[in-house]
Protein backbone atom coordinates (compact mmCIF):
# COMPACT_ATOMS: atom_id res chain seq x y z
CA UNK A 1 2.09 20.49 -19.54
CA UNK A 2 -0.91 18.43 -20.58
CA UNK A 3 -2.57 19.12 -23.89
CA UNK A 4 -6.27 19.87 -24.06
CA UNK A 5 -8.34 16.68 -24.09
CA UNK A 6 -10.26 15.58 -27.14
CA UNK A 7 -14.05 15.87 -27.00
CA UNK A 8 -14.38 12.17 -27.93
CA UNK A 9 -15.38 9.92 -25.01
CA UNK A 10 -12.60 8.12 -23.18
CA UNK A 11 -12.92 4.36 -22.74
CA UNK A 12 -10.93 2.40 -20.13
CA UNK A 13 -10.07 -1.26 -20.71
CA UNK A 14 -8.28 -3.37 -18.09
CA UNK A 15 -6.60 -6.71 -18.67
CA UNK A 16 -4.47 -9.08 -16.58
CA UNK A 17 -1.75 -10.97 -18.42
CA UNK A 18 0.88 -13.53 -17.40
CA UNK A 19 4.35 -13.47 -18.99
CA UNK A 20 6.47 -16.48 -18.04
CA UNK A 21 10.22 -16.47 -17.44
CA UNK A 22 12.59 -18.76 -19.29
CA UNK A 23 13.59 -20.06 -15.86
CA UNK A 24 12.87 -19.07 -12.23
CA UNK A 25 14.97 -16.31 -10.65
CA UNK A 26 15.87 -16.49 -6.97
CA UNK A 27 16.04 -13.28 -4.94
CA UNK A 28 16.86 -12.81 -1.26
CA UNK A 29 13.12 -12.70 -0.49
CA UNK A 30 11.82 -15.51 -2.70
CA UNK A 31 11.70 -17.05 -6.16
CA UNK A 32 9.87 -15.55 -9.13
CA UNK A 33 9.00 -17.40 -12.31
CA UNK A 34 7.15 -14.79 -14.33
CA UNK A 35 5.65 -11.34 -14.63
CA UNK A 36 1.90 -11.01 -14.05
CA UNK A 37 0.88 -7.55 -15.30
CA UNK A 38 -2.11 -5.25 -15.48
CA UNK A 39 -2.49 -3.49 -18.82
CA UNK A 40 -4.45 -0.24 -18.96
CA UNK A 41 -5.76 0.72 -22.39
CA UNK A 42 -7.32 4.13 -22.95
CA UNK A 43 -9.25 4.56 -26.19
CA UNK A 44 -10.32 7.95 -27.45
CA UNK A 45 -11.57 8.28 -30.99
CA UNK A 46 -8.92 6.86 -33.31
CA UNK A 47 -6.24 6.92 -30.61
CA UNK A 48 -5.20 4.29 -28.08
CA UNK A 49 -2.79 4.71 -25.15
CA UNK A 50 -1.41 1.83 -23.09
CA UNK A 51 0.41 1.36 -19.82
CA UNK A 52 1.55 -1.71 -17.87
CA UNK A 53 2.29 -2.40 -14.20
CA UNK A 54 3.14 -5.30 -11.92
CA UNK A 55 2.62 -3.55 -8.59
CA UNK A 56 4.87 -3.39 -5.54
CA UNK A 57 4.61 -6.81 -3.90
CA UNK A 58 6.16 -5.81 -0.57
CA UNK A 59 3.46 -3.15 -0.22
CA UNK A 60 0.76 -5.77 -0.71
CA UNK A 61 0.02 -4.95 -4.34
CA UNK A 62 -0.90 -7.63 -6.86
CA UNK A 63 -2.41 -7.50 -10.32
CA UNK A 64 -5.80 -8.20 -8.75
CA UNK A 65 -5.54 -5.30 -6.30
CA UNK A 66 -4.32 -2.99 -9.08
CA UNK A 67 -7.29 -3.84 -11.30
CA UNK A 68 -9.71 -3.40 -8.40
CA UNK A 69 -8.16 -0.04 -7.54
CA UNK A 70 -8.54 1.19 -11.11
CA UNK A 71 -12.14 -0.04 -11.30
CA UNK A 72 -13.05 2.13 -8.31
CA UNK A 73 -12.05 5.26 -10.26
CA UNK A 74 -13.31 4.17 -13.69
CA UNK A 75 -15.93 6.94 -13.83
CA UNK A 76 -13.37 9.65 -13.08
CA UNK A 77 -10.97 8.26 -15.68
CA UNK A 78 -13.60 8.00 -18.40
CA UNK A 79 -14.82 11.52 -17.60
CA UNK A 80 -11.58 12.78 -19.17
CA UNK A 81 -8.87 12.51 -16.52
CA UNK A 82 -5.42 13.94 -17.39
CA UNK A 83 -2.00 13.14 -15.87
CA UNK A 84 -2.23 15.83 -13.21
CA UNK A 85 -5.63 14.53 -12.23
CA UNK A 86 -4.31 10.98 -12.01
CA UNK A 87 -1.59 12.10 -9.57
CA UNK A 88 -4.28 13.65 -7.37
CA UNK A 89 -6.74 10.76 -7.70
CA UNK A 90 -4.51 7.76 -6.98
CA UNK A 91 -1.62 7.20 -4.57
CA UNK A 92 1.85 6.18 -5.71
CA UNK A 93 1.90 2.57 -6.85
CA UNK A 94 1.29 0.24 -9.73
CA UNK A 95 -2.27 1.31 -10.54
CA UNK A 96 -1.30 4.93 -11.01
CA UNK A 97 1.79 3.89 -12.99
CA UNK A 98 -0.22 1.96 -15.56
CA UNK A 99 -2.72 4.81 -15.84
CA UNK A 100 -0.09 7.55 -16.00
CA UNK A 101 1.85 5.76 -18.73
CA UNK A 102 -1.32 5.12 -20.71
CA UNK A 103 -2.13 8.84 -20.50
CA UNK A 104 1.37 9.79 -21.72
CA UNK A 105 0.96 7.38 -24.64
CA UNK A 106 -2.51 8.65 -25.50
CA UNK A 107 -1.34 12.25 -25.28
CA UNK A 108 1.51 11.56 -27.72
CA UNK A 109 -0.86 10.08 -30.26
CA UNK A 110 -3.49 12.76 -29.82
CA UNK A 111 -1.05 15.66 -30.06
CA UNK A 112 1.29 14.24 -32.69
CA UNK A 113 4.24 14.92 -30.34
CA UNK A 114 6.23 11.95 -29.06
CA UNK A 115 6.90 11.70 -25.31
CA UNK A 116 10.64 12.05 -25.87
CA UNK A 117 10.13 15.24 -27.88
CA UNK A 118 7.78 16.66 -25.26
CA UNK A 119 10.52 16.14 -22.67
CA UNK A 120 13.09 17.99 -24.77
CA UNK A 121 14.94 14.93 -26.06
CA UNK A 122 16.05 14.95 -29.69
CA UNK A 123 16.20 11.15 -29.62
CA UNK A 124 16.35 8.28 -27.15
CA UNK A 125 19.99 7.25 -26.90
CA UNK A 126 21.09 3.70 -26.22
CA UNK A 127 21.93 3.14 -22.54
CA UNK A 128 24.12 0.34 -21.14
CA UNK A 129 21.98 -1.71 -18.80
CA UNK A 130 22.67 -3.96 -15.86
CA UNK A 131 21.68 -7.62 -16.09
CA UNK A 132 20.72 -9.39 -12.87
CA UNK A 133 22.18 -12.66 -11.60
CA UNK A 134 19.79 -14.36 -9.18
CA UNK A 135 20.99 -15.80 -5.88
CA UNK A 136 22.66 -19.15 -6.52
CA UNK A 137 25.77 -21.20 -5.81
CA UNK A 138 29.00 -19.22 -6.44
CA UNK A 139 30.06 -21.43 -9.33
CA UNK A 140 26.62 -21.17 -10.97
CA UNK A 141 26.61 -17.38 -10.72
CA UNK A 142 30.13 -17.33 -12.20
CA UNK A 143 28.99 -19.47 -15.13
CA UNK A 144 26.02 -17.20 -15.72
CA UNK A 145 28.25 -14.13 -15.62
CA UNK A 146 30.62 -15.66 -18.16
CA UNK A 147 27.70 -16.44 -20.46
CA UNK A 148 26.64 -12.77 -20.37
CA UNK A 149 29.83 -11.59 -22.05
CA UNK A 150 27.92 -9.02 -24.14
CA UNK A 151 26.89 -7.18 -20.98
CA UNK A 152 29.45 -5.12 -19.09
CA UNK A 153 27.16 -4.30 -16.15
CA UNK A 154 26.13 -7.12 -13.82
CA UNK A 155 24.01 -6.98 -10.68
CA UNK A 156 24.43 -9.77 -8.15
CA UNK A 157 21.49 -10.63 -5.93
CA UNK A 158 22.81 -11.62 -2.48
CA UNK A 159 20.87 -13.08 0.43
CA UNK A 160 22.84 -12.31 3.59
CA UNK A 161 24.25 -15.83 3.94
CA UNK A 162 27.85 -16.93 4.45
CA UNK A 163 28.07 -17.60 0.69
CA UNK A 164 27.79 -13.95 -0.30
CA UNK A 165 31.55 -13.27 -0.26
CA UNK A 166 32.24 -16.38 -2.35
CA UNK A 167 29.53 -15.39 -4.83
CA UNK A 168 31.05 -11.97 -5.42
CA UNK A 169 34.58 -13.34 -5.68
CA UNK A 170 33.52 -16.07 -8.12
CA UNK A 171 31.74 -13.63 -10.42
CA UNK A 172 34.67 -11.24 -10.33
CA UNK A 173 37.06 -14.07 -11.25
CA UNK A 174 34.81 -15.01 -14.17
CA UNK A 175 34.33 -11.41 -15.38
CA UNK A 176 37.37 -9.26 -14.68
CA UNK A 177 36.04 -6.77 -17.25
CA UNK A 178 32.57 -6.21 -15.79
CA UNK A 179 31.24 -3.44 -13.59
CA UNK A 180 29.60 -5.19 -10.64
CA UNK A 181 26.84 -3.99 -8.36
CA UNK A 182 25.19 -5.96 -5.56
CA UNK A 183 21.60 -5.94 -4.33
CA UNK A 184 20.57 -7.27 -0.94
CA UNK A 185 16.84 -6.49 -1.25
CA UNK A 186 16.81 -5.55 2.45
CA UNK A 187 18.31 -8.94 3.37
CA UNK A 188 21.44 -7.98 5.35
CA UNK A 189 22.25 -6.92 8.87
CA UNK A 190 24.76 -4.19 9.72
CA UNK A 191 27.22 -6.87 10.87
CA UNK A 192 26.92 -8.78 7.59
CA UNK A 193 27.44 -5.58 5.60
CA UNK A 194 30.55 -4.63 7.56
CA UNK A 195 31.97 -8.15 7.29
CA UNK A 196 31.36 -8.22 3.54
CA UNK A 197 32.75 -4.76 2.75
CA UNK A 198 36.42 -5.87 2.41
CA UNK A 199 35.43 -8.45 -0.22
CA UNK A 200 33.25 -5.94 -2.03
CA UNK A 201 36.13 -3.47 -2.12
CA UNK A 202 38.65 -6.08 -3.25
CA UNK A 203 36.29 -7.13 -6.05
CA UNK A 204 35.75 -3.50 -7.11
CA UNK A 205 32.00 -3.49 -6.57
CA UNK A 206 30.65 -0.16 -7.76
CA UNK A 207 27.33 0.11 -5.87
CA UNK A 208 25.52 -1.55 -2.95
CA UNK A 209 21.75 -1.51 -3.30
CA UNK A 210 19.40 -1.57 -0.29
CA UNK A 211 21.64 -3.51 2.13
CA UNK A 212 19.39 -3.07 5.18
CA UNK A 213 15.61 -3.20 5.63
CA UNK A 214 13.69 0.00 4.90
CA UNK A 215 12.95 1.84 8.12
CA UNK A 216 15.77 -0.01 9.89
CA UNK A 217 18.64 1.42 7.89
CA UNK A 218 19.80 4.22 10.21
CA UNK A 219 23.00 2.25 10.81
CA UNK A 220 24.15 3.23 7.33
CA UNK A 221 24.86 6.69 8.69
CA UNK A 222 27.68 5.33 10.85
CA UNK A 223 29.16 2.76 8.43
CA UNK A 224 32.17 4.08 6.54
CA UNK A 225 32.02 2.65 3.04
CA UNK A 226 34.01 3.73 -0.01
CA UNK A 227 31.26 2.05 -2.09
CA UNK A 228 28.08 4.14 -2.44
CA UNK A 229 24.75 2.90 -1.11
CA UNK A 230 21.61 3.09 -3.27
CA UNK A 231 18.12 3.22 -1.76
CA UNK A 232 15.44 1.08 -3.35
CA UNK A 233 12.77 -0.04 -0.88
CA UNK A 234 13.71 2.92 1.35
CA UNK A 235 12.75 5.35 -1.43
CA UNK A 236 9.08 5.13 -2.33
CA UNK A 237 8.33 8.74 -3.22
CA UNK A 238 9.25 12.40 -2.88
CA UNK A 239 8.48 12.41 0.84
CA UNK A 240 11.33 9.95 1.50
CA UNK A 241 14.10 11.96 -0.17
CA UNK A 242 15.34 14.01 2.79
CA UNK A 243 15.77 10.96 5.01
CA UNK A 244 17.31 8.93 2.19
CA UNK A 245 19.80 11.68 1.33
CA UNK A 246 21.24 11.47 4.85
CA UNK A 247 21.99 7.74 4.52
CA UNK A 248 22.42 6.94 0.82
CA UNK A 249 24.32 8.34 -2.13
CA UNK A 250 21.89 7.21 -4.82
CA UNK A 251 18.27 6.21 -5.36
CA UNK A 252 16.68 3.52 -7.51
CA UNK A 253 13.46 4.69 -9.18
CA UNK A 254 10.93 2.17 -10.44
CA UNK A 255 7.77 3.40 -12.11
CA UNK A 256 5.57 1.02 -10.13
CA UNK A 257 6.92 2.55 -6.91
CA UNK A 258 6.66 6.17 -7.98
CA UNK A 259 3.26 5.79 -9.60
CA UNK A 260 4.35 6.54 -13.13
CA UNK A 261 6.69 8.56 -15.32
CA UNK A 262 5.26 11.91 -14.18
CA UNK A 263 6.19 11.39 -10.53
CA UNK A 264 9.53 9.76 -11.41
CA UNK A 265 10.61 12.80 -13.41
CA UNK A 266 9.79 15.03 -10.43
CA UNK A 267 11.83 12.77 -8.13
CA UNK A 268 14.83 12.89 -10.47
CA UNK A 269 14.85 16.68 -10.30
CA UNK A 270 14.48 16.67 -6.51
CA UNK A 271 17.18 14.01 -6.08
CA UNK A 272 19.63 16.08 -8.11
CA UNK A 273 19.17 19.07 -5.81
CA UNK A 274 20.20 16.82 -2.92
CA UNK A 275 23.30 15.56 -4.69
CA UNK A 276 21.98 12.02 -5.16
CA UNK A 277 22.81 9.78 -8.07
CA UNK A 278 19.82 8.23 -9.82
CA UNK A 279 19.19 4.71 -11.11
CA UNK A 280 16.15 3.57 -13.05
CA UNK A 281 15.08 0.00 -12.35
CA UNK A 282 12.09 -2.19 -13.06
CA UNK A 283 9.89 -4.70 -11.28
CA UNK A 284 10.06 -6.94 -14.36
CA UNK A 285 7.41 -6.76 -17.06
CA UNK A 286 7.32 -6.69 -20.82
CA UNK A 287 8.53 -4.05 -23.24
CA UNK A 288 5.40 -2.05 -22.46
CA UNK A 289 6.75 -1.55 -18.91
CA UNK A 290 10.28 -0.88 -20.13
CA UNK A 291 9.46 1.72 -22.82
CA UNK A 292 8.49 4.57 -20.42
CA UNK A 293 11.35 3.56 -18.10
CA UNK A 294 13.70 3.88 -21.10
CA UNK A 295 12.55 7.49 -21.44
CA UNK A 296 13.35 8.03 -17.75
CA UNK A 297 16.74 6.35 -18.31
CA UNK A 298 17.76 9.32 -20.44
CA UNK A 299 17.94 11.36 -17.22
CA UNK A 300 19.62 8.73 -15.00
CA UNK A 301 23.17 7.70 -14.11
CA UNK A 302 22.57 3.94 -13.88
CA UNK A 303 20.14 1.82 -15.88
CA UNK A 304 18.76 -1.53 -14.72
CA UNK A 305 16.12 -2.39 -17.30
CA UNK A 306 16.66 -6.06 -18.02
CA UNK A 307 13.12 -7.32 -17.38
CA UNK A 308 12.35 -8.52 -20.94
CA UNK A 309 15.58 -10.54 -21.05
CA UNK A 310 14.07 -12.99 -18.55
CA UNK A 311 10.86 -13.58 -20.52
CA UNK A 312 10.15 -16.69 -22.55
CA UNK A 313 8.55 -14.35 -25.06
CA UNK A 314 7.97 -10.60 -25.15
CA UNK A 315 5.23 -8.54 -26.70
CA UNK A 316 5.86 -6.84 -30.04
CA UNK A 317 7.48 -4.51 -30.83
CA UNK A 318 10.04 -5.97 -28.41
CA UNK A 319 12.73 -4.08 -26.56
CA UNK A 320 16.03 -4.39 -28.43
CA UNK A 321 19.36 -4.95 -26.71
CA UNK A 322 22.77 -4.81 -28.43
CA UNK A 323 26.33 -4.55 -27.18
CA UNK A 324 25.24 -4.63 -23.56
CA UNK A 325 22.88 -1.69 -24.02
CA UNK A 326 19.16 -1.11 -24.24
CA UNK A 327 18.92 0.29 -27.76
CA UNK A 328 15.22 0.60 -28.49
CA UNK A 329 11.93 0.18 -26.65
CA UNK A 330 9.28 0.88 -29.23
CA UNK A 331 5.52 0.76 -29.38
CA UNK A 332 4.87 3.37 -26.68
CA UNK A 333 4.93 7.15 -26.45
CA UNK A 334 5.16 7.68 -30.20
CA UNK A 335 3.37 10.32 -32.23
CA UNK A 336 0.50 8.98 -34.31
C-alpha cells in the first residue's frame, strides 16, 4: 500500500546516460557494446528517489522514446503521482519501470521504511546469479566459461546455427561443475530445437530460454522435452500468462518489460498460481537497474542479474558479487 504523499512539490528530472561495456557482447539478434539508460529522479523536499531503464528494444523502445514518453506525463507526475497512478497512467515498458522504481525509492526515504521491509523481508539474502556467455566460437566460449570459475551458473547465448551443439559441448567440457542454461532469444526453429535436444540433455542443460519466436511458439506444446522451457519475449505482462502456462514451465521477468517492480511482483504471484517457475533477468544497466531487481530476486527461483559485470565502470554504490552470488545492490530503496 502506498503511503500518503508529502505536501512538498514533486520535481521530475530526466537524464540519458551511456555506460560502456568492457567488450562487445554478441547475441543471436545482434551485438551490444554498452547500456544507454534513462534515469528518472524524483525530488520532494529533502528526499530523492531514482529509477533507471533501458527500454525493450524489440518493442521499439529506446532511451529517446522513454524520455519523450515521460515528458508527455510530466504534469501528472509532478502533481503527486503514486505507484498505483503510474500503473494506470503508463503502459508496461521502460518508461513506467524507471518511474515506478523511482517512486518506490522515494517512498522508502519519505516513510523511513526500506522497500525490503515493506515487502516483508527481514533482509536481502545473497542469490547465486547466472553469468552470460555471448555467442562465439566454441573454443572461445569454453575459455570464457573456464575464466568464470567463481560462478556456478552460466547462460549460453546460442544463435540457431550448426555450431550450437559444439558450443554447448565445449562449455560443458570446460566446466563440468557448472549449471548451464541456454538462451536462443527467439532465434531457433522447431527443427533446430529438436535436433539440439539430445546434446542439451547429454550436457545436462537445466533450462532452455525462449527457443522460438514469440507468437510463433505453439510448436512447444507438441515437443517432448525433459528440459523445461522458459518464456522471455513471449511473456510481456499479466495478460500473457495463460497462454505461456500452456507452453512453458517458467517465465523470465525483466523490470523493463513488466513496467516496474510493482507489476513484476503481481506477475510472480499470478505465475505461482499457474505452477510456473520464475526467473528475474535484466536488460543490462547499472546497479541502479539491478537494485530493484535484486529485491524481486528474493521471490524468484532463478536469478540472472549480471548486467554490471559487463560494464567498464559502474555507478556507486556498486552491486557486489562474491562466490558466484549477487550479495548486495545498495543505493536504492533504503530508508532515509
